[in-house]
Amino acid sequence: MSRSPELDALLGAYALDALDAAERAAVDAYLERVPAARAEVDELLEATALLASARVDPERAPPSLWSRIAEQVERGSGLRP
């Protein structure tokens, strides 16, 4: 089955459990039909788990880090290249 750009755009939010019930149901059905989308979500879930378990040393992060992240989000580019 072919990919859906609209549903593909929700995969990151799906991995973060940030969808409403209707969106989640639509993505669940999509993942059952599209193995490539399922594989993408599996990779996102793995990356999320790694980040959640990563040791963070706030002393090592540059002071401007959060402001740079906020700028990217405000610009709408997210953190994707």
Protein backbone atom coordinates (compact mmCIF):
# COMPACT_ATOMS: atom_id res chain seq x y z
CA MET A 1 0.00 0.00 0.00
CA SER A 2 1.21 3.52 -0.73
CA ARG A 3 2.24 6.01 1.93
CA SER A 4 -0.05 8.81 3.10
CA PRO A 5 1.71 12.15 3.63
CA GLU A 6 -1.03 13.23 6.04
CA LEU A 7 -0.64 10.14 8.21
CA ASP A 8 3.15 10.09 7.86
CA ALA A 9 3.16 13.58 9.36
CA LEU A 10 1.55 12.14 12.50
CA LEU A 11 4.03 9.32 13.09
CA GLY A 12 6.34 11.32 15.36
CA ALA A 13 3.44 12.48 17.51
CA TYR A 14 2.16 8.91 17.55
CA ALA A 15 5.49 7.67 18.91
CA LEU A 16 5.30 10.32 21.64
CA ASP A 17 1.69 9.38 22.46
CA ALA A 18 0.61 12.90 21.56
CA LEU A 19 -2.41 12.21 19.34
CA ASP A 20 -6.07 12.46 20.15
CA ALA A 21 -8.18 9.29 20.01
CA ALA A 22 -9.36 9.79 16.42
CA GLU A 23 -5.86 10.49 15.09
CA ARG A 24 -4.45 7.54 17.02
CA ALA A 25 -7.10 5.20 15.57
CA ALA A 26 -6.33 6.43 12.04
CA VAL A 27 -2.59 5.89 12.52
CA ASP A 28 -3.15 2.46 14.11
CA ALA A 29 -5.11 1.36 11.05
CA TYR A 30 -2.46 2.86 8.76
CA LEU A 31 0.33 1.00 10.55
CA GLU A 32 -1.52 -2.29 10.06
CA ARG A 33 -1.68 -1.67 6.29
CA VAL A 34 1.73 -0.08 5.63
CA PRO A 35 4.78 -2.02 6.82
CA ALA A 36 7.16 0.86 5.99
CA ALA A 37 5.21 3.21 8.25
CA ARG A 38 5.24 0.55 11.01
CA ALA A 39 9.03 0.28 10.65
CA GLU A 40 9.37 4.06 10.88
CA VAL A 41 7.31 4.17 14.09
CA ASP A 42 9.38 1.32 15.53
CA GLU A 43 12.55 3.33 14.86
CA LEU A 44 11.02 6.43 16.42
CA LEU A 45 9.98 4.46 19.50
CA GLU A 46 13.48 3.06 19.84
CA ALA A 47 15.04 6.52 19.52
CA THR A 48 12.57 7.90 22.06
CA ALA A 49 13.44 5.14 24.52
CA LEU A 50 17.15 5.82 24.08
CA LEU A 51 16.67 9.53 24.66
CA ALA A 52 14.50 8.91 27.71
CA SER A 53 17.17 6.72 29.28
CA ALA A 54 20.11 8.94 28.33
CA ARG A 55 22.07 10.51 31.13
CA VAL A 56 21.82 14.28 30.92
CA ASP A 57 24.45 16.52 32.36
CA PRO A 58 22.99 20.05 32.39
CA GLU A 59 26.45 21.45 33.07
CA ARG A 60 27.66 20.25 29.66
CA ALA A 61 24.80 21.65 27.55
CA PRO A 62 25.56 25.03 25.99
CA PRO A 63 23.54 27.83 27.58
CA SER A 64 21.94 28.70 24.24
CA LEU A 65 20.64 25.19 23.55
CA TRP A 66 17.01 25.70 24.63
CA SER A 67 16.72 29.06 22.91
CA ARG A 68 17.99 27.49 19.66
CA ILE A 69 15.47 24.66 19.96
CA ALA A 70 12.66 27.15 20.66
CA GLU A 71 13.67 29.20 17.60
CA GLN A 72 13.50 26.13 15.35
CA VAL A 73 10.08 25.16 16.68
CA GLU A 74 8.74 28.72 16.32
CA ARG A 75 9.94 28.81 12.72
CA GLY A 76 7.93 25.68 12.08
CA SER A 77 10.89 23.74 10.79
CA GLY A 78 10.93 21.42 13.76
CA LEU A 79 14.19 19.59 14.19
CA ARG A 80 14.11 17.69 10.91
CA PRO A 81 16.67 18.60 8.26
